[in-house]
């Protein structure tokens, strides 16, 4: 079984997990496939089979974080809309945890442990 892909997002502007942030996880190559899409839970994580490795193969991936939608049309400042994060997986047995820290104006994303 593959290691999986997980995300954990924190709205640092408000100091809390990103409950309700919509996220989509795509495999781009060698074939394009939507592996997971949904809203993050109260702990800021996405509960989906891809977290345990379902559908994960060697290739290129993209995670889309819909930050503009999260802050809503009534936000004081509209700046970020969708934040993409592209990465490659060569060793499918490894787990790829992707923490995201963000505000309406910027973000920081990396491969975590």
N, C-alpha and C. Protein backbone atom coordinates (compact mmCIF):
# COMPACT_ATOMS: atom_id res chain seq x y z
N UNK A 1 0.85 -1.18 0.00
CA UNK A 1 0.00 0.00 0.00
C UNK A 1 0.89 1.24 0.00
N UNK A 2 0.46 2.22 -0.76
CA UNK A 2 1.21 3.47 -0.84
C UNK A 2 1.11 4.24 0.46
N UNK A 3 2.03 5.17 0.65
CA UNK A 3 2.08 5.96 1.87
C UNK A 3 0.98 6.98 2.01
N UNK A 4 0.50 7.55 0.91
CA UNK A 4 -0.62 8.48 0.97
C UNK A 4 -0.23 9.94 0.92
N UNK A 5 -1.26 10.78 0.77
CA UNK A 5 -1.13 12.23 0.71
C UNK A 5 -2.12 12.82 1.71
N UNK A 6 -1.63 13.62 2.64
CA UNK A 6 -2.51 14.28 3.59
C UNK A 6 -2.22 15.77 3.61
N UNK A 7 -3.22 16.55 4.01
CA UNK A 7 -3.06 18.00 4.14
C UNK A 7 -3.53 18.43 5.52
N UNK A 8 -2.94 19.51 6.00
CA UNK A 8 -3.36 20.11 7.25
C UNK A 8 -3.23 21.62 7.07
N UNK A 9 -4.35 22.34 7.14
CA UNK A 9 -4.33 23.77 6.88
C UNK A 9 -4.74 24.56 8.12
N UNK A 10 -4.01 25.66 8.35
CA UNK A 10 -4.28 26.54 9.47
C UNK A 10 -4.43 27.98 8.97
N UNK A 11 -5.53 28.60 9.33
CA UNK A 11 -5.80 30.01 9.05
C UNK A 11 -5.08 30.81 10.14
N UNK A 12 -3.85 31.23 9.86
CA UNK A 12 -3.08 31.92 10.89
C UNK A 12 -3.58 33.35 11.14
N UNK A 13 -4.32 33.91 10.19
CA UNK A 13 -4.89 35.24 10.40
C UNK A 13 -5.88 35.23 11.56
N UNK A 14 -6.56 34.10 11.74
CA UNK A 14 -7.55 33.98 12.81
C UNK A 14 -7.13 32.98 13.89
N UNK A 15 -5.95 32.36 13.72
CA UNK A 15 -5.41 31.47 14.73
C UNK A 15 -6.19 30.19 14.96
N UNK A 16 -6.63 29.56 13.85
CA UNK A 16 -7.40 28.32 14.02
C UNK A 16 -7.26 27.41 12.79
N UNK A 17 -7.57 26.11 12.96
CA UNK A 17 -7.58 25.20 11.81
C UNK A 17 -8.60 25.69 10.77
N UNK A 18 -8.35 25.37 9.52
CA UNK A 18 -9.15 25.89 8.40
C UNK A 18 -10.41 25.05 8.16
N UNK A 19 -11.28 24.99 9.14
CA UNK A 19 -12.54 24.27 9.02
C UNK A 19 -13.33 24.79 7.82
N UNK A 20 -13.67 23.90 6.90
CA UNK A 20 -14.48 24.27 5.74
C UNK A 20 -13.70 24.64 4.49
N UNK A 21 -12.37 24.76 4.59
CA UNK A 21 -11.56 25.08 3.40
C UNK A 21 -11.71 23.95 2.39
N UNK A 22 -12.08 24.28 1.14
CA UNK A 22 -12.22 23.27 0.09
C UNK A 22 -10.86 22.97 -0.53
N UNK A 23 -10.58 21.69 -0.67
CA UNK A 23 -9.31 21.21 -1.19
C UNK A 23 -9.57 20.14 -2.25
N UNK A 24 -8.76 20.14 -3.31
CA UNK A 24 -8.83 19.08 -4.32
C UNK A 24 -7.43 18.53 -4.52
N UNK A 25 -7.31 17.21 -4.58
CA UNK A 25 -6.02 16.55 -4.82
C UNK A 25 -6.10 15.84 -6.17
N UNK A 26 -5.23 16.27 -7.07
CA UNK A 26 -5.19 15.74 -8.44
C UNK A 26 -3.88 15.01 -8.71
N UNK A 27 -3.95 13.92 -9.42
CA UNK A 27 -2.75 13.34 -10.04
C UNK A 27 -2.73 13.92 -11.45
N UNK A 28 -1.61 14.51 -11.86
CA UNK A 28 -1.50 15.15 -13.17
C UNK A 28 -0.84 14.25 -14.20
N UNK A 29 0.13 13.44 -13.77
CA UNK A 29 0.87 12.58 -14.69
C UNK A 29 1.28 11.32 -13.93
N UNK A 30 1.28 10.19 -14.54
CA UNK A 30 1.16 9.96 -15.98
C UNK A 30 -0.25 10.07 -16.54
N UNK A 31 -1.27 10.08 -15.72
CA UNK A 31 -2.65 10.28 -16.18
C UNK A 31 -3.34 11.24 -15.22
N UNK A 32 -4.27 12.02 -15.74
CA UNK A 32 -4.97 13.00 -14.92
C UNK A 32 -6.16 12.34 -14.23
N UNK A 33 -6.20 12.51 -12.89
CA UNK A 33 -7.30 11.93 -12.12
C UNK A 33 -7.51 12.74 -10.85
N UNK A 34 -8.77 12.98 -10.52
CA UNK A 34 -9.12 13.63 -9.26
C UNK A 34 -9.14 12.54 -8.20
N UNK A 35 -8.24 12.64 -7.20
CA UNK A 35 -8.14 11.62 -6.17
C UNK A 35 -9.00 11.93 -4.95
N UNK A 36 -9.19 13.21 -4.67
CA UNK A 36 -10.01 13.60 -3.51
C UNK A 36 -10.43 15.05 -3.65
N UNK A 37 -11.62 15.34 -3.14
CA UNK A 37 -12.08 16.72 -3.07
C UNK A 37 -13.06 16.80 -1.92
N UNK A 38 -12.93 17.86 -1.15
CA UNK A 38 -13.84 18.04 -0.04
C UNK A 38 -13.42 19.19 0.84
N UNK A 39 -14.14 19.36 1.93
CA UNK A 39 -13.85 20.42 2.88
C UNK A 39 -13.11 19.86 4.08
N UNK A 40 -12.19 20.66 4.60
CA UNK A 40 -11.41 20.24 5.76
C UNK A 40 -12.29 20.24 7.00
N UNK A 41 -12.00 19.31 7.89
CA UNK A 41 -12.75 19.17 9.13
C UNK A 41 -12.27 20.14 10.20
N UNK A 42 -12.81 19.98 11.39
CA UNK A 42 -12.54 20.88 12.52
C UNK A 42 -11.06 20.91 12.89
N UNK A 43 -10.33 19.84 12.58
CA UNK A 43 -8.89 19.79 12.88
C UNK A 43 -8.04 20.30 11.71
N UNK A 44 -8.68 20.78 10.63
CA UNK A 44 -7.95 21.31 9.49
C UNK A 44 -7.40 20.26 8.55
N UNK A 45 -7.92 19.02 8.62
CA UNK A 45 -7.44 17.95 7.74
C UNK A 45 -8.57 17.44 6.85
N UNK A 46 -8.18 16.80 5.77
CA UNK A 46 -9.12 16.20 4.83
C UNK A 46 -9.17 14.70 5.11
N UNK A 47 -10.35 14.19 5.35
CA UNK A 47 -10.53 12.77 5.55
C UNK A 47 -10.93 12.16 4.21
N UNK A 48 -10.03 11.40 3.60
CA UNK A 48 -10.27 10.79 2.30
C UNK A 48 -9.37 9.56 2.16
N UNK A 49 -9.77 8.60 1.33
CA UNK A 49 -8.95 7.39 1.14
C UNK A 49 -7.52 7.66 0.65
N UNK A 50 -7.29 8.78 -0.06
CA UNK A 50 -5.95 9.09 -0.55
C UNK A 50 -4.96 9.26 0.60
N UNK A 51 -5.46 9.63 1.78
CA UNK A 51 -4.60 9.80 2.95
C UNK A 51 -3.90 8.48 3.30
N UNK A 52 -4.58 7.38 3.02
CA UNK A 52 -4.00 6.05 3.31
C UNK A 52 -3.36 5.43 2.07
N UNK A 53 -3.30 6.19 0.97
CA UNK A 53 -2.59 5.72 -0.21
C UNK A 53 -3.46 5.28 -1.36
N UNK A 54 -4.76 5.28 -1.23
CA UNK A 54 -5.63 4.85 -2.33
C UNK A 54 -5.44 5.76 -3.53
N UNK A 55 -5.10 5.17 -4.67
CA UNK A 55 -4.93 5.90 -5.92
C UNK A 55 -3.58 6.55 -6.11
N UNK A 56 -2.69 6.46 -5.13
CA UNK A 56 -1.38 7.11 -5.24
C UNK A 56 -0.41 6.20 -5.99
N UNK A 57 0.13 6.74 -7.08
CA UNK A 57 1.15 6.06 -7.87
C UNK A 57 2.29 7.04 -8.10
N UNK A 58 3.38 6.58 -8.65
CA UNK A 58 4.48 7.50 -8.98
C UNK A 58 3.98 8.47 -10.05
N UNK A 59 4.33 9.74 -9.88
CA UNK A 59 3.92 10.73 -10.86
C UNK A 59 3.91 12.13 -10.29
N UNK A 60 3.25 13.02 -11.03
CA UNK A 60 3.17 14.43 -10.63
C UNK A 60 1.77 14.70 -10.08
N UNK A 61 1.71 15.53 -9.03
CA UNK A 61 0.46 15.82 -8.33
C UNK A 61 0.26 17.31 -8.15
N UNK A 62 -0.99 17.68 -7.90
CA UNK A 62 -1.31 19.06 -7.58
C UNK A 62 -2.42 19.07 -6.53
N UNK A 63 -2.23 19.89 -5.50
CA UNK A 63 -3.27 20.12 -4.51
C UNK A 63 -3.73 21.56 -4.69
N UNK A 64 -5.04 21.75 -4.77
CA UNK A 64 -5.62 23.08 -4.92
C UNK A 64 -6.32 23.45 -3.63
N UNK A 65 -5.90 24.57 -3.05
CA UNK A 65 -6.49 25.11 -1.83
C UNK A 65 -7.32 26.34 -2.22
N UNK A 66 -8.62 26.30 -2.01
CA UNK A 66 -9.52 27.37 -2.43
C UNK A 66 -9.66 28.42 -1.31
N UNK A 67 -8.60 29.21 -1.17
CA UNK A 67 -8.50 30.18 -0.07
C UNK A 67 -9.46 31.35 -0.24
N UNK A 68 -9.62 31.87 -1.44
CA UNK A 68 -10.54 32.98 -1.66
C UNK A 68 -11.96 32.61 -1.28
N UNK A 69 -12.38 31.42 -1.64
CA UNK A 69 -13.70 30.90 -1.29
C UNK A 69 -13.84 30.77 0.23
N UNK A 70 -12.76 30.36 0.88
CA UNK A 70 -12.75 30.17 2.33
C UNK A 70 -13.05 31.49 3.06
N UNK A 71 -12.39 32.57 2.62
CA UNK A 71 -12.61 33.86 3.26
C UNK A 71 -13.90 34.52 2.80
N UNK A 72 -14.44 34.09 1.66
CA UNK A 72 -15.75 34.53 1.21
C UNK A 72 -15.76 35.84 0.44
N UNK A 73 -16.85 36.05 -0.23
CA UNK A 73 -17.02 37.24 -1.06
C UNK A 73 -17.08 38.52 -0.23
N UNK A 74 -17.39 38.39 1.05
CA UNK A 74 -17.51 39.57 1.91
C UNK A 74 -16.22 39.93 2.63
N UNK A 75 -15.12 39.27 2.27
CA UNK A 75 -13.84 39.57 2.92
C UNK A 75 -13.44 41.02 2.64
N UNK A 76 -12.78 41.63 3.59
CA UNK A 76 -12.35 43.03 3.43
C UNK A 76 -11.43 43.18 2.22
N UNK A 77 -10.51 42.26 2.07
CA UNK A 77 -9.55 42.33 0.98
C UNK A 77 -9.57 41.03 0.20
N UNK A 78 -9.87 41.10 -1.07
CA UNK A 78 -9.84 39.93 -1.92
C UNK A 78 -8.48 39.93 -2.62
N UNK A 79 -7.70 38.88 -2.37
CA UNK A 79 -6.38 38.79 -2.99
C UNK A 79 -6.13 37.38 -3.50
N UNK A 80 -5.86 36.43 -2.62
CA UNK A 80 -5.63 35.06 -3.06
C UNK A 80 -6.95 34.40 -3.44
N UNK A 81 -6.93 33.61 -4.50
CA UNK A 81 -8.12 32.87 -4.90
C UNK A 81 -7.87 31.38 -4.65
N UNK A 82 -7.17 30.75 -5.59
CA UNK A 82 -6.83 29.33 -5.44
C UNK A 82 -5.32 29.19 -5.39
N UNK A 83 -4.83 28.49 -4.38
CA UNK A 83 -3.40 28.27 -4.22
C UNK A 83 -3.07 26.84 -4.67
N UNK A 84 -2.26 26.70 -5.75
CA UNK A 84 -1.86 25.37 -6.19
C UNK A 84 -0.54 24.96 -5.57
N UNK A 85 -0.38 23.68 -5.34
CA UNK A 85 0.90 23.15 -4.87
C UNK A 85 1.19 21.90 -5.68
N UNK A 86 2.24 21.97 -6.53
CA UNK A 86 2.61 20.85 -7.39
C UNK A 86 3.85 20.17 -6.83
N UNK A 87 3.85 18.85 -6.92
CA UNK A 87 4.98 18.08 -6.41
C UNK A 87 5.00 16.72 -7.12
N UNK A 88 6.12 16.05 -6.99
CA UNK A 88 6.30 14.73 -7.61
C UNK A 88 6.44 13.67 -6.53
N UNK A 89 5.93 12.49 -6.84
CA UNK A 89 6.09 11.34 -5.97
C UNK A 89 6.83 10.26 -6.75
N UNK A 90 8.00 9.90 -6.27
CA UNK A 90 8.77 8.80 -6.86
C UNK A 90 8.66 7.54 -6.00
N UNK A 91 8.66 7.73 -4.70
CA UNK A 91 8.62 6.60 -3.76
C UNK A 91 7.22 6.54 -3.14
N UNK A 92 6.35 5.72 -3.72
CA UNK A 92 4.95 5.68 -3.29
C UNK A 92 4.78 5.12 -1.88
N UNK A 93 5.80 4.47 -1.36
CA UNK A 93 5.69 3.93 0.00
C UNK A 93 5.86 5.03 1.06
N UNK A 94 6.35 6.20 0.67
CA UNK A 94 6.50 7.32 1.61
C UNK A 94 5.19 8.08 1.73
N UNK A 95 4.94 8.63 2.92
CA UNK A 95 3.76 9.46 3.11
C UNK A 95 4.12 10.92 2.81
N UNK A 96 3.23 11.61 2.12
CA UNK A 96 3.45 13.01 1.77
C UNK A 96 2.43 13.85 2.53
N UNK A 97 2.91 14.49 3.62
CA UNK A 97 2.06 15.35 4.43
C UNK A 97 2.34 16.80 4.04
N UNK A 98 1.30 17.55 3.71
CA UNK A 98 1.45 18.90 3.18
C UNK A 98 0.75 19.92 4.08
N UNK A 99 1.47 20.48 5.04
CA UNK A 99 0.91 21.54 5.88
C UNK A 99 0.82 22.86 5.12
N UNK A 100 -0.26 23.59 5.34
CA UNK A 100 -0.46 24.91 4.73
C UNK A 100 -0.80 25.89 5.85
N UNK A 101 -0.05 26.96 5.92
CA UNK A 101 -0.34 28.07 6.84
C UNK A 101 -0.67 29.26 5.95
N UNK A 102 -1.79 29.96 6.21
CA UNK A 102 -2.18 31.02 5.29
C UNK A 102 -2.95 32.15 5.97
N UNK A 103 -2.97 33.28 5.27
CA UNK A 103 -3.78 34.44 5.60
C UNK A 103 -4.49 34.82 4.30
N UNK A 104 -5.33 35.85 4.28
CA UNK A 104 -5.92 36.27 3.01
C UNK A 104 -4.88 36.80 2.01
N UNK A 105 -3.65 37.11 2.48
CA UNK A 105 -2.65 37.76 1.64
C UNK A 105 -1.42 36.93 1.33
N UNK A 106 -1.25 35.80 1.97
CA UNK A 106 -0.06 35.00 1.72
C UNK A 106 -0.18 33.61 2.30
N UNK A 107 0.79 32.76 1.96
CA UNK A 107 0.76 31.38 2.44
C UNK A 107 2.16 30.79 2.51
N UNK A 108 2.25 29.71 3.23
CA UNK A 108 3.48 28.94 3.37
C UNK A 108 3.07 27.48 3.33
N UNK A 109 3.64 26.73 2.40
CA UNK A 109 3.32 25.30 2.27
C UNK A 109 4.62 24.54 2.08
N UNK A 110 4.66 23.34 2.62
CA UNK A 110 5.89 22.56 2.58
C UNK A 110 5.56 21.09 2.77
N UNK A 111 6.53 20.24 2.61
CA UNK A 111 6.34 18.82 2.92
C UNK A 111 6.73 18.61 4.37
N UNK A 112 5.78 18.17 5.14
CA UNK A 112 5.99 17.94 6.56
C UNK A 112 6.32 16.49 6.85
N UNK A 113 6.40 16.18 8.11
CA UNK A 113 6.71 14.81 8.54
C UNK A 113 5.46 14.01 8.78
